[in-house]
N, C-alpha and C. Protein backbone atom coordinates (compact mmCIF):
# COMPACT_ATOMS: atom_id res chain seq x y z
N MET A 1 89.38 111.27 84.56
CA MET A 1 89.02 111.11 83.01
C MET A 1 87.70 109.86 83.07
N GLY A 2 87.30 109.84 81.80
CA GLY A 2 86.22 108.72 81.28
C GLY A 2 86.91 107.65 81.19
N GLN A 3 86.35 106.53 80.93
CA GLN A 3 86.83 105.14 80.83
C GLN A 3 85.69 104.57 79.85
N THR A 4 86.26 103.98 78.98
CA THR A 4 85.28 103.51 77.83
C THR A 4 84.82 102.01 78.11
N SER A 5 85.32 101.44 79.12
CA SER A 5 85.04 100.13 79.31
C SER A 5 85.11 99.86 80.78
N ALA A 6 84.22 99.00 81.07
CA ALA A 6 83.69 98.71 82.67
C ALA A 6 84.17 97.52 83.40
N GLU A 7 85.06 96.74 82.57
CA GLU A 7 85.43 95.28 83.48
C GLU A 7 86.99 95.44 83.42
N GLY A 8 87.40 94.72 84.38
CA GLY A 8 88.75 94.29 84.35
C GLY A 8 89.25 93.23 85.33
N ARG A 9 90.50 92.78 85.65
CA ARG A 9 90.70 92.01 86.36
C ARG A 9 90.12 92.50 88.10
N SER A 10 89.80 91.52 88.53
CA SER A 10 89.35 92.12 89.85
C SER A 10 90.69 92.43 90.60
N ASN A 11 91.85 91.96 90.49
CA ASN A 11 93.15 92.40 91.17
C ASN A 11 94.47 92.76 90.37
N PRO A 12 94.47 93.42 89.56
CA PRO A 12 95.31 93.81 88.29
C PRO A 12 96.75 93.50 88.97
N LEU A 13 96.91 93.70 90.46
CA LEU A 13 98.57 93.61 90.76
C LEU A 13 99.06 92.22 91.05
N MET A 14 98.16 91.32 91.15
CA MET A 14 98.46 89.65 90.88
C MET A 14 99.33 89.69 89.86
N SER A 15 99.23 90.09 88.95
CA SER A 15 100.35 89.53 87.58
C SER A 15 101.33 90.76 87.32
N ASP A 16 102.32 90.63 87.17
CA ASP A 16 103.57 91.71 86.65
C ASP A 16 103.25 92.10 85.42
N ILE A 17 103.60 93.66 85.62
CA ILE A 17 103.42 94.58 84.44
C ILE A 17 105.00 94.97 83.96
N ARG A 18 105.25 94.64 83.10
CA ARG A 18 106.47 95.35 82.35
C ARG A 18 106.28 96.05 81.51
N LEU A 19 106.93 97.30 81.75
CA LEU A 19 106.52 98.75 81.40
C LEU A 19 108.04 99.26 80.34
N ALA A 20 107.38 99.61 79.03
CA ALA A 20 108.39 100.36 78.46
C ALA A 20 108.15 101.76 77.93
N VAL A 21 109.20 102.75 78.53
CA VAL A 21 109.02 104.04 78.48
C VAL A 21 109.93 104.64 77.20
N VAL A 22 109.46 105.56 76.41
CA VAL A 22 109.63 106.40 75.62
C VAL A 22 109.60 107.77 75.96
N ASP A 23 110.73 108.62 76.42
CA ASP A 23 111.11 109.97 76.93
C ASP A 23 111.96 110.55 76.93
N ALA A 24 112.15 111.77 76.75
CA ALA A 24 113.72 112.32 76.09
C ALA A 24 114.04 112.84 77.46
N GLN A 25 113.40 112.38 78.86
CA GLN A 25 114.11 112.86 80.02
C GLN A 25 114.37 111.70 80.94
N PRO A 26 115.84 111.35 81.18
CA PRO A 26 115.93 110.22 81.84
C PRO A 26 115.87 110.40 83.38
N ILE A 27 115.78 111.55 83.96
CA ILE A 27 115.52 111.56 85.20
C ILE A 27 113.83 111.16 85.63
N PHE A 28 113.02 111.84 84.67
CA PHE A 28 111.70 111.45 84.81
C PHE A 28 111.52 110.04 84.55
N VAL A 29 112.06 109.19 83.97
CA VAL A 29 111.94 107.96 83.66
C VAL A 29 112.70 107.00 84.94
N ARG A 30 113.83 107.63 85.46
CA ARG A 30 114.16 106.76 86.36
C ARG A 30 113.22 107.26 88.06
N GLY A 31 112.77 108.25 88.10
CA GLY A 31 111.91 108.88 89.10
C GLY A 31 110.65 107.72 89.02
N LEU A 32 109.86 108.12 87.49
CA LEU A 32 108.95 107.08 87.28
C LEU A 32 108.96 105.39 87.91
N SER A 33 110.07 105.11 87.26
CA SER A 33 110.83 103.96 87.51
C SER A 33 110.50 103.14 88.82
N ALA A 34 111.11 104.45 90.02
CA ALA A 34 111.29 104.25 91.21
C ALA A 34 109.90 104.13 91.94
N LEU A 35 108.91 105.41 91.71
CA LEU A 35 107.75 105.09 92.45
C LEU A 35 106.72 104.15 91.74
N LEU A 36 106.82 103.80 90.33
CA LEU A 36 105.63 102.72 90.15
C LEU A 36 106.08 101.38 91.11
N SER A 37 107.49 101.13 91.01
CA SER A 37 107.71 100.05 91.83
C SER A 37 107.37 99.93 93.20
N SER A 38 107.57 101.14 93.92
CA SER A 38 107.05 101.37 95.21
C SER A 38 105.82 101.40 95.52
N MET A 39 105.03 102.23 94.71
CA MET A 39 103.51 102.25 95.07
C MET A 39 103.07 100.66 94.76
N SER A 40 103.63 99.96 93.65
CA SER A 40 103.01 98.55 93.24
C SER A 40 103.82 97.24 93.84
N GLN A 41 104.40 97.78 94.96
CA GLN A 41 105.07 96.28 95.50
C GLN A 41 105.84 95.65 94.53
N ALA A 42 106.62 96.26 93.32
CA ALA A 42 107.47 95.79 92.41
C ALA A 42 106.79 95.01 91.54
N ARG A 43 105.55 95.48 91.33
CA ARG A 43 104.45 94.54 90.52
C ARG A 43 104.38 95.40 89.09
N VAL A 44 104.83 96.68 89.04
CA VAL A 44 104.77 97.26 88.02
C VAL A 44 106.27 97.91 87.76
N ARG A 45 107.21 97.25 86.53
CA ARG A 45 108.41 97.47 86.37
C ARG A 45 108.74 97.95 85.31
N VAL A 46 109.44 99.51 84.94
CA VAL A 46 110.20 99.79 83.91
C VAL A 46 111.36 98.79 83.20
N ILE A 47 111.09 98.06 82.81
CA ILE A 47 112.52 97.05 82.15
C ILE A 47 112.99 97.67 80.80
N ALA A 48 112.74 98.86 80.18
CA ALA A 48 113.59 99.51 78.93
C ALA A 48 113.16 100.71 78.85
N SER A 49 113.90 101.67 78.29
CA SER A 49 113.44 102.97 78.09
C SER A 49 114.42 103.54 76.70
N ALA A 50 113.92 104.64 76.35
CA ALA A 50 114.22 105.16 74.82
C ALA A 50 114.03 106.49 75.04
N ASP A 51 115.14 107.17 74.69
CA ASP A 51 114.92 108.89 74.81
C ASP A 51 114.74 109.39 73.40
N GLN A 52 114.57 108.29 72.23
CA GLN A 52 114.13 109.04 70.74
C GLN A 52 112.90 108.41 70.39
N ALA A 53 111.94 109.01 69.77
CA ALA A 53 111.02 108.40 68.80
C ALA A 53 111.16 107.44 67.87
N GLY A 54 112.25 107.58 67.16
CA GLY A 54 112.70 106.57 66.16
C GLY A 54 112.87 105.23 67.10
N ALA A 55 113.55 105.10 68.03
CA ALA A 55 114.02 103.94 68.46
C ALA A 55 112.46 103.28 69.28
N ALA A 56 111.43 103.77 69.23
CA ALA A 56 110.35 103.17 70.03
C ALA A 56 109.92 101.94 69.52
N ALA A 57 109.50 101.77 68.37
CA ALA A 57 109.43 100.54 67.65
C ALA A 57 110.23 99.48 67.75
N GLY A 58 111.63 99.79 68.00
CA GLY A 58 112.78 98.72 68.01
C GLY A 58 112.82 98.25 69.58
N LEU A 59 112.39 99.12 70.43
CA LEU A 59 112.53 99.05 71.66
C LEU A 59 111.45 98.06 72.39
N VAL A 60 110.04 98.10 71.71
CA VAL A 60 109.11 96.93 72.04
C VAL A 60 109.43 95.36 71.54
N ARG A 61 109.95 96.11 70.36
CA ARG A 61 110.44 94.39 69.79
C ARG A 61 111.42 94.08 70.42
N ARG A 62 112.23 94.42 71.26
CA ARG A 62 113.45 94.12 71.82
C ARG A 62 112.75 93.29 73.02
N CYS A 63 112.07 94.20 74.08
CA CYS A 63 111.83 93.86 75.23
C CYS A 63 110.41 93.09 75.54
N ARG A 64 109.54 92.85 74.35
CA ARG A 64 108.17 92.77 74.58
C ARG A 64 107.86 92.80 75.80
N PRO A 65 107.21 94.07 76.09
CA PRO A 65 106.51 94.77 77.18
C PRO A 65 104.92 94.48 77.31
N ASP A 66 104.61 94.55 78.51
CA ASP A 66 103.06 94.42 78.77
C ASP A 66 102.52 95.58 77.84
N LEU A 67 103.29 96.82 78.44
CA LEU A 67 102.71 98.12 77.73
C LEU A 67 103.84 98.99 77.90
N ALA A 68 103.25 100.24 76.94
CA ALA A 68 104.40 101.03 76.72
C ALA A 68 104.09 102.31 76.76
N LEU A 69 104.78 103.34 77.55
CA LEU A 69 104.16 104.78 77.67
C LEU A 69 105.06 105.46 76.80
N VAL A 70 104.88 106.36 76.06
CA VAL A 70 105.31 107.48 75.30
C VAL A 70 104.99 108.75 75.48
N ASP A 71 105.82 109.54 75.90
CA ASP A 71 105.88 111.05 76.01
C ASP A 71 105.24 111.94 74.51
N LEU A 72 104.05 112.54 74.46
CA LEU A 72 104.00 113.12 73.11
C LEU A 72 104.89 114.14 72.81
N GLY A 73 105.72 114.68 73.96
CA GLY A 73 106.30 116.02 73.53
C GLY A 73 107.54 115.35 73.21
N LEU A 74 108.13 114.40 72.78
CA LEU A 74 109.03 114.05 72.06
C LEU A 74 109.78 114.81 71.01
N PRO A 75 111.06 114.64 70.90
CA PRO A 75 111.79 116.03 69.88
C PRO A 75 111.23 114.98 68.62
N ALA A 76 111.41 115.65 67.21
CA ALA A 76 110.95 115.25 66.06
C ALA A 76 111.54 113.77 65.90
N PRO A 77 110.84 112.67 65.28
CA PRO A 77 109.80 112.93 64.80
C PRO A 77 108.48 112.96 65.50
N GLY A 78 108.63 112.77 66.64
CA GLY A 78 107.72 113.21 67.97
C GLY A 78 107.21 111.95 68.46
N GLY A 79 106.15 112.28 69.46
CA GLY A 79 105.56 111.40 70.19
C GLY A 79 104.37 110.34 69.32
N LEU A 80 103.79 111.06 68.44
CA LEU A 80 102.70 110.54 68.05
C LEU A 80 103.48 109.42 66.61
N ARG A 81 104.07 110.11 66.09
CA ARG A 81 104.94 109.09 65.26
C ARG A 81 105.45 107.90 65.74
N ALA A 82 105.97 108.06 67.32
CA ALA A 82 106.57 107.15 67.82
C ALA A 82 105.19 106.04 68.31
N ILE A 83 104.31 106.56 68.72
CA ILE A 83 103.04 105.67 69.01
C ILE A 83 102.89 104.96 67.76
N ALA A 84 102.36 105.40 66.74
CA ALA A 84 102.13 104.84 65.34
C ALA A 84 102.96 103.89 64.98
N ALA A 85 104.20 104.09 65.18
CA ALA A 85 105.31 102.84 64.80
C ALA A 85 105.15 101.54 65.63
N ILE A 86 104.96 102.19 67.18
CA ILE A 86 104.61 100.71 68.01
C ILE A 86 103.36 100.06 67.67
N HIS A 87 102.21 101.12 67.37
CA HIS A 87 101.33 100.02 67.13
C HIS A 87 101.15 99.60 65.88
N ARG A 88 101.90 100.06 64.80
CA ARG A 88 102.07 99.06 63.58
C ARG A 88 103.16 97.70 63.57
N THR A 89 104.07 97.77 64.69
CA THR A 89 104.88 96.91 65.19
C THR A 89 104.18 95.72 65.81
N SER A 90 103.32 96.28 67.02
CA SER A 90 102.73 95.13 67.97
C SER A 90 101.06 95.86 68.25
N PRO A 91 100.55 95.29 66.93
CA PRO A 91 98.99 96.12 67.41
C PRO A 91 98.16 95.94 68.51
N CYS A 92 98.62 94.96 68.94
CA CYS A 92 97.86 94.37 70.33
C CYS A 92 98.45 94.87 71.89
N LEU A 93 99.20 95.26 71.73
CA LEU A 93 100.37 95.96 72.74
C LEU A 93 99.38 97.57 73.32
N PRO A 94 99.12 97.49 74.44
CA PRO A 94 98.48 98.64 74.71
C PRO A 94 99.35 99.78 75.03
N ILE A 95 99.06 101.17 74.49
CA ILE A 95 100.28 102.37 74.59
C ILE A 95 99.45 103.34 75.35
N ALA A 96 99.96 103.76 76.46
CA ALA A 96 99.64 104.88 77.16
C ALA A 96 100.48 106.25 76.47
N ALA A 97 99.77 107.18 76.09
CA ALA A 97 100.45 108.39 75.62
C ALA A 97 100.21 109.25 76.77
N MET A 98 101.62 109.89 77.03
CA MET A 98 101.69 110.73 78.31
C MET A 98 101.96 112.18 77.67
N SER A 99 101.14 113.45 78.05
CA SER A 99 100.88 114.85 77.58
C SER A 99 101.34 115.55 78.41
N ALA A 100 101.66 116.78 78.60
CA ALA A 100 101.83 117.94 79.46
C ALA A 100 100.66 118.47 79.76
N ASP A 101 99.55 118.39 78.97
CA ASP A 101 98.43 119.00 79.14
C ASP A 101 97.35 118.03 78.68
N ASN A 102 96.06 118.63 79.01
CA ASN A 102 95.03 117.39 78.90
C ASN A 102 93.98 118.14 77.62
N GLY A 103 94.62 118.85 76.76
CA GLY A 103 94.19 119.02 75.37
C GLY A 103 93.37 117.79 74.60
N THR A 104 92.03 118.11 74.09
CA THR A 104 91.30 117.25 73.29
C THR A 104 91.75 116.65 72.10
N ASP A 105 92.71 117.85 71.44
CA ASP A 105 92.73 117.77 70.00
C ASP A 105 94.38 116.91 69.85
N LEU A 106 95.21 116.97 71.25
CA LEU A 106 96.45 116.29 71.04
C LEU A 106 95.72 114.65 71.35
N ALA A 107 95.00 114.88 72.09
CA ALA A 107 94.53 113.32 72.73
C ALA A 107 93.80 112.63 71.72
N LEU A 108 92.75 112.93 70.82
CA LEU A 108 91.96 112.65 69.55
C LEU A 108 93.20 112.10 68.80
N ALA A 109 94.50 112.91 68.68
CA ALA A 109 95.34 112.55 67.70
C ALA A 109 96.09 111.27 68.50
N ALA A 110 96.35 111.15 69.38
CA ALA A 110 97.31 110.08 70.14
C ALA A 110 96.45 108.89 70.08
N MET A 111 95.12 108.72 70.30
CA MET A 111 94.15 107.75 70.09
C MET A 111 94.22 107.23 68.70
N SER A 112 94.19 108.19 67.87
CA SER A 112 94.15 107.57 66.23
C SER A 112 95.69 106.87 65.96
N ALA A 113 96.62 107.71 66.51
CA ALA A 113 97.59 106.88 65.96
C ALA A 113 97.74 105.40 66.91
N GLY A 114 96.68 104.91 67.63
CA GLY A 114 97.11 103.85 68.59
C GLY A 114 97.22 103.70 69.84
N ALA A 115 97.16 105.09 70.72
CA ALA A 115 97.28 104.93 71.54
C ALA A 115 96.00 104.45 72.62
N SER A 116 96.14 103.82 73.76
CA SER A 116 94.87 103.29 74.65
C SER A 116 94.69 104.15 75.27
N GLY A 117 95.22 105.35 75.66
CA GLY A 117 94.68 106.22 76.90
C GLY A 117 95.65 107.34 76.82
N ILE A 118 95.26 108.24 77.70
CA ILE A 118 96.22 109.36 77.84
C ILE A 118 96.64 110.00 79.18
N LEU A 119 97.45 110.23 79.81
CA LEU A 119 97.97 110.53 80.98
C LEU A 119 98.39 111.86 80.87
N VAL A 120 98.21 112.66 81.80
CA VAL A 120 98.80 113.97 81.99
C VAL A 120 100.20 113.96 82.90
N LYS A 121 101.39 114.31 82.11
CA LYS A 121 102.76 114.50 82.78
C LYS A 121 102.62 114.82 84.34
N SER A 122 101.94 115.82 84.57
CA SER A 122 102.28 116.77 85.57
C SER A 122 101.41 116.09 87.00
N ALA A 123 100.59 114.79 86.57
CA ALA A 123 99.34 114.20 87.73
C ALA A 123 100.63 113.48 88.68
N ALA A 124 100.13 113.49 90.03
CA ALA A 124 100.44 112.96 90.89
C ALA A 124 101.02 111.44 90.95
N PRO A 125 102.05 110.80 91.05
CA PRO A 125 102.55 109.40 90.96
C PRO A 125 101.10 108.53 91.55
N GLU A 126 100.35 109.00 92.23
CA GLU A 126 99.39 107.58 92.83
C GLU A 126 98.65 107.80 91.89
N ASP A 127 98.24 108.82 90.86
CA ASP A 127 97.29 109.10 89.69
C ASP A 127 97.76 108.54 88.58
N LEU A 128 98.78 108.18 88.24
CA LEU A 128 99.33 107.30 87.39
C LEU A 128 98.94 105.80 87.14
N LEU A 129 99.25 105.18 88.60
CA LEU A 129 99.21 103.66 88.66
C LEU A 129 98.26 102.90 88.08
N ARG A 130 96.83 103.64 88.48
CA ARG A 130 95.58 103.04 88.32
C ARG A 130 95.48 102.77 86.69
N PRO A 131 95.37 104.28 86.16
CA PRO A 131 95.60 104.14 84.77
C PRO A 131 96.41 103.18 83.65
N LEU A 132 97.44 103.43 84.53
CA LEU A 132 98.23 102.59 83.90
C LEU A 132 97.84 100.83 83.88
N LEU A 133 97.56 100.32 85.08
CA LEU A 133 96.96 99.27 85.31
C LEU A 133 96.07 98.79 84.35
N ALA A 134 94.98 100.11 84.35
CA ALA A 134 93.91 99.74 83.42
C ALA A 134 94.24 99.48 82.17
N MET A 135 95.01 100.15 81.75
CA MET A 135 95.29 100.31 80.34
C MET A 135 96.05 98.82 79.87
N ALA A 136 96.84 97.91 80.90
CA ALA A 136 97.77 97.18 80.64
C ALA A 136 96.29 96.02 80.68
N ASP A 137 95.51 95.72 81.43
CA ASP A 137 94.53 95.09 81.35
C ASP A 137 93.55 95.23 80.46
N GLY A 138 93.69 96.13 79.06
CA GLY A 138 92.66 96.18 77.99
C GLY A 138 91.66 97.35 78.03
N TRP A 139 91.96 98.27 79.01
CA TRP A 139 90.77 99.35 79.19
C TRP A 139 91.47 100.47 78.32
N ALA A 140 90.42 101.22 78.26
CA ALA A 140 90.67 102.70 77.32
C ALA A 140 90.32 103.56 78.39
N VAL A 141 91.82 104.49 78.68
CA VAL A 141 91.53 105.68 79.68
C VAL A 141 91.30 106.70 78.76
N VAL A 142 90.42 107.54 78.58
CA VAL A 142 90.20 108.89 77.99
C VAL A 142 89.75 110.04 78.51
N PRO A 143 90.24 111.28 78.40
CA PRO A 143 89.57 112.37 79.05
C PRO A 143 88.28 112.29 78.19
N ARG A 144 87.00 112.73 79.04
CA ARG A 144 85.79 112.87 78.97
C ARG A 144 85.49 113.53 77.33
N PRO A 145 86.10 115.29 77.31
CA PRO A 145 85.93 115.35 76.35
C PRO A 145 86.47 114.71 75.10
N ALA A 146 87.25 114.13 75.01
CA ALA A 146 87.82 113.63 73.91
C ALA A 146 86.78 112.14 73.65
N LEU A 147 86.63 111.52 74.80
CA LEU A 147 85.43 110.65 74.69
C LEU A 147 84.35 110.91 73.78
N HIS A 148 83.61 112.12 73.68
CA HIS A 148 82.54 112.27 73.35
C HIS A 148 82.71 112.69 71.87
N ARG A 149 84.17 113.18 71.56
CA ARG A 149 84.21 113.55 70.15
C ARG A 149 84.70 112.51 69.31
N LEU A 150 85.15 111.53 70.11
CA LEU A 150 85.58 110.12 69.57
C LEU A 150 83.81 109.49 68.98
N ALA A 151 82.97 109.50 69.67
CA ALA A 151 81.69 108.80 69.21
C ALA A 151 80.96 109.91 68.65
N SER A 152 81.44 110.98 68.08
CA SER A 152 80.79 111.63 67.08
C SER A 152 81.29 111.44 65.99
N ARG A 153 82.96 111.44 66.01
CA ARG A 153 83.33 111.06 64.86
C ARG A 153 83.15 110.02 64.16
N ALA A 154 83.00 108.74 64.94
CA ALA A 154 82.66 107.12 64.74
C ALA A 154 81.35 107.27 64.11
N ALA A 155 80.25 108.40 64.43
CA ALA A 155 79.06 107.87 63.84
C ALA A 155 79.06 108.24 62.57
N SER A 156 79.94 108.85 61.98
CA SER A 156 79.70 109.46 60.40
C SER A 156 80.65 107.95 59.49
N GLY A 157 79.64 107.71 58.69
CA GLY A 157 80.07 106.56 57.84
C GLY A 157 80.77 105.25 58.36
N HIS A 158 79.50 104.69 59.19
CA HIS A 158 80.04 103.34 59.98
C HIS A 158 79.47 102.09 59.18
N ASP A 159 78.36 102.89 58.45
CA ASP A 159 77.67 101.49 57.79
C ASP A 159 78.22 100.90 57.23
N SER A 160 79.24 101.24 56.07
CA SER A 160 79.86 100.26 55.00
C SER A 160 80.91 99.47 56.08
N ARG A 161 81.23 100.00 57.26
CA ARG A 161 82.21 98.97 57.90
C ARG A 161 81.94 98.04 58.53
N VAL A 162 80.30 98.34 59.26
CA VAL A 162 79.52 97.40 59.86
C VAL A 162 79.09 96.18 58.98
N ALA A 163 78.62 96.53 57.67
CA ALA A 163 77.55 95.93 57.04
C ALA A 163 78.35 94.27 56.38
N GLY A 164 79.58 94.61 56.62
CA GLY A 164 79.96 93.36 56.24
C GLY A 164 80.56 92.32 57.24
N LEU A 165 80.72 92.27 58.67
CA LEU A 165 80.69 91.36 59.38
C LEU A 165 79.84 90.43 59.40
N SER A 166 80.95 89.25 60.01
CA SER A 166 80.00 88.11 60.35
C SER A 166 79.38 88.22 61.74
N ASP A 167 78.71 86.77 62.33
CA ASP A 167 77.88 87.18 63.62
C ASP A 167 79.13 86.98 64.57
N GLU A 168 80.44 85.97 64.25
CA GLU A 168 81.77 86.13 65.17
C GLU A 168 82.08 87.64 65.37
N ASP A 169 82.09 88.36 64.39
CA ASP A 169 83.05 89.25 64.45
C ASP A 169 82.47 90.28 65.26
N ARG A 170 81.32 90.38 64.97
CA ARG A 170 79.96 91.30 66.34
C ARG A 170 80.27 90.60 67.50
N GLN A 171 80.29 89.57 67.51
CA GLN A 171 80.32 88.77 68.83
C GLN A 171 81.48 89.62 69.64
N LEU A 172 82.82 89.43 68.91
CA LEU A 172 83.84 90.17 69.10
C LEU A 172 83.75 91.48 69.47
N TRP A 173 83.30 92.32 68.59
CA TRP A 173 83.10 93.73 68.72
C TRP A 173 82.27 94.20 70.14
N ARG A 174 81.40 93.15 70.36
CA ARG A 174 80.34 93.72 71.56
C ARG A 174 81.24 93.17 72.62
N LEU A 175 81.59 92.36 72.76
CA LEU A 175 82.94 91.76 74.02
C LEU A 175 83.82 93.07 73.86
N LEU A 176 84.47 93.78 73.10
CA LEU A 176 85.37 94.59 73.31
C LEU A 176 84.46 96.16 73.96
N ALA A 177 83.49 96.15 73.20
CA ALA A 177 82.53 97.34 73.65
C ALA A 177 82.29 97.56 74.78
N GLN A 178 82.25 96.25 75.56
CA GLN A 178 81.91 95.59 76.78
C GLN A 178 82.72 96.32 77.91
N GLY A 179 84.06 96.13 77.19
CA GLY A 179 85.32 96.46 78.23
C GLY A 179 85.84 95.12 78.58
N ARG A 180 85.52 93.96 77.71
CA ARG A 180 86.06 93.17 78.50
C ARG A 180 87.72 92.75 78.43
N SER A 181 88.35 92.13 79.04
CA SER A 181 89.99 91.76 79.14
C SER A 181 90.16 90.88 78.02
N THR A 182 91.41 90.39 77.49
CA THR A 182 91.98 90.00 76.61
C THR A 182 91.64 88.41 77.25
N ALA A 183 91.61 88.25 78.39
CA ALA A 183 91.29 86.39 79.11
C ALA A 183 90.20 86.66 79.02
N GLN A 184 89.19 87.63 79.16
CA GLN A 184 87.59 87.30 79.17
C GLN A 184 87.00 87.04 77.82
N VAL A 185 88.03 87.71 76.93
CA VAL A 185 87.53 87.34 75.00
C VAL A 185 87.69 86.08 74.80
N ALA A 186 89.25 85.78 75.44
CA ALA A 186 89.45 84.28 75.04
C ALA A 186 88.34 83.61 75.68
N ALA A 187 88.07 83.35 76.75
CA ALA A 187 87.10 82.71 77.21
C ALA A 187 85.35 82.50 76.68
N ALA A 188 85.33 83.72 76.14
CA ALA A 188 83.86 83.71 75.99
C ALA A 188 84.22 83.42 74.41
N LEU A 189 85.12 83.14 73.48
CA LEU A 189 85.06 82.89 72.49
C LEU A 189 85.32 81.40 72.04
N HIS A 190 85.80 80.82 73.54
CA HIS A 190 86.71 79.34 73.50
C HIS A 190 88.34 79.41 72.46
N VAL A 191 88.76 80.51 73.07
CA VAL A 191 90.25 80.55 71.94
C VAL A 191 90.97 80.74 73.12
N SER A 192 92.57 80.52 72.51
CA SER A 192 93.93 81.24 73.56
C SER A 192 93.50 82.77 73.40
N GLU A 193 94.22 83.04 74.56
CA GLU A 193 94.52 84.58 74.57
C GLU A 193 95.11 85.15 73.19
N ARG A 194 96.28 84.46 72.77
CA ARG A 194 96.83 84.93 71.60
C ARG A 194 96.07 84.97 70.63
N THR A 195 95.03 84.05 70.33
CA THR A 195 94.09 84.16 69.33
C THR A 195 93.08 85.04 69.28
N ALA A 196 93.00 85.22 70.74
CA ALA A 196 91.76 86.58 71.34
C ALA A 196 92.67 87.99 70.56
N LYS A 197 93.79 87.93 70.87
CA LYS A 197 94.29 89.14 70.41
C LYS A 197 94.74 89.31 68.90
N ARG A 198 94.75 88.41 68.21
CA ARG A 198 95.04 87.98 66.76
C ARG A 198 93.71 88.62 66.36
N LEU A 199 92.56 88.16 66.80
CA LEU A 199 91.29 88.38 66.21
C LEU A 199 90.83 89.54 66.32
N THR A 200 91.37 90.65 67.61
CA THR A 200 91.24 91.65 68.00
C THR A 200 91.32 92.62 66.99
N ALA A 201 92.95 92.17 66.92
CA ALA A 201 93.54 93.36 65.80
C ALA A 201 93.11 93.32 64.41
N THR A 202 92.38 91.99 63.52
CA THR A 202 92.06 92.04 62.65
C THR A 202 90.58 92.94 62.41
N LEU A 203 90.02 92.63 63.43
CA LEU A 203 88.80 93.26 63.81
C LEU A 203 88.59 94.62 63.42
N LEU A 204 90.11 95.27 64.21
CA LEU A 204 89.96 96.83 64.43
C LEU A 204 90.53 97.24 62.99
N ARG A 205 91.27 96.28 62.37
CA ARG A 205 91.71 96.95 60.81
C ARG A 205 90.37 97.11 59.98
N ARG A 206 89.63 95.85 60.16
CA ARG A 206 88.23 95.96 59.22
C ARG A 206 87.14 97.17 59.74
N LEU A 207 87.22 97.54 60.80
CA LEU A 207 86.28 98.69 61.30
C LEU A 207 87.08 99.82 60.92
N ARG A 208 88.35 99.92 60.61
CA ARG A 208 89.21 101.02 60.35
C ARG A 208 89.52 101.88 61.38
N VAL A 209 89.71 101.17 62.62
CA VAL A 209 90.07 102.21 63.80
C VAL A 209 91.39 101.83 64.56
N ALA A 210 91.89 102.56 65.01
CA ALA A 210 93.39 102.17 65.64
C ALA A 210 93.20 101.50 67.27
N THR A 211 92.04 101.87 67.87
CA THR A 211 92.05 101.71 69.31
C THR A 211 90.70 100.87 69.71
N LYS A 212 90.96 100.02 70.67
CA LYS A 212 89.43 99.58 71.22
C LYS A 212 88.66 100.66 71.72
N ALA A 213 89.11 101.55 71.99
CA ALA A 213 88.15 102.80 72.36
C ALA A 213 87.38 103.49 71.09
N GLU A 214 88.04 103.68 70.25
CA GLU A 214 87.39 103.92 68.69
C GLU A 214 86.34 102.75 68.56
N ALA A 215 86.79 101.75 68.55
CA ALA A 215 85.74 100.63 68.40
C ALA A 215 84.80 100.36 69.30
N ALA A 216 84.77 100.87 70.72
CA ALA A 216 83.68 100.96 71.43
C ALA A 216 82.83 102.08 71.00
N ALA A 217 83.32 103.34 70.61
CA ALA A 217 82.69 104.25 70.46
C ALA A 217 81.97 104.07 69.06
N LEU A 218 82.15 103.49 68.28
CA LEU A 218 81.36 103.11 67.30
C LEU A 218 80.53 101.86 67.02
N ALA A 219 80.73 101.22 68.28
CA ALA A 219 79.76 100.11 68.56
C ALA A 219 78.42 100.82 69.33
N GLY A 220 78.89 101.65 69.89
CA GLY A 220 77.34 102.71 70.40
C GLY A 220 76.63 103.17 69.45
N GLN A 221 77.62 103.94 68.58
CA GLN A 221 76.78 104.49 67.44
C GLN A 221 76.18 103.89 66.59
N ALA A 222 76.56 102.35 66.34
CA ALA A 222 76.06 101.65 65.42
C ALA A 222 74.87 100.70 65.96
N GLY A 223 74.79 100.92 67.44
CA GLY A 223 73.56 100.36 68.05
C GLY A 223 73.92 98.74 68.45
N LEU A 224 74.86 98.18 68.43
CA LEU A 224 75.62 97.15 68.81
C LEU A 224 75.08 96.70 70.08
N LEU A 225 75.44 97.80 70.81
CA LEU A 225 75.08 96.99 72.19
C LEU A 225 73.65 97.17 72.74
N ASP A 226 72.80 97.76 72.03
CA ASP A 226 71.31 97.52 72.12
C ASP A 226 70.88 95.87 71.50
N GLU A 227 71.65 95.31 70.82
CA GLU A 227 71.43 94.12 70.00
C GLU A 227 71.11 93.07 71.21
N THR A 228 70.65 92.04 70.73
CA THR A 228 70.69 90.63 71.56
C THR A 228 71.86 89.84 71.61
N ALA A 229 72.43 89.90 72.84
CA ALA A 229 73.66 89.00 72.10
C ALA A 229 73.56 87.75 72.13
């Protein structure tokens, strides 16, 4: 899988990660919970789950996880609607979308709905832990074909979105495109992590993108990373 960002915590397992799962298969959720806990020395814990897409937003409001994992194969209204509902409720919460396959169109739809990354459900458990840790740390985990499509899509019509940005907006955008974690953004801007999350959510709305991955793709097309910081 390709990744749009290049930096994170040096040891993400130093912090516990609380995971909320939306999946229609209780056996899968129980198995995933046990495996993640075992592989991470109990640093990654499934703290709550729901088996219906319509319960997704309420789940994250109640348990306030560090990361949400949503199965795209949920029964109607479906996983994409669940991701969109979570993103509206908690715009700064990383959301991992899980798919039965690695199709590019579905990955793009999930990213547009608000997902931070895509995982293949049939992957080995050890291949799920690292991407989940990365997304919890603010990275985007995107299949390479989908990343190329995101960049192409971001290239169309970006001028009007970029023109009205302040110098502070552009600094934040550059930090996000460089893959900085929330803590690193907060330190660079001399603000709290809570403020950094709020500023990030506001910038994503101004850019008319749903995720940091799309913002990073747009930054590359806009030449932001070629500018002097």
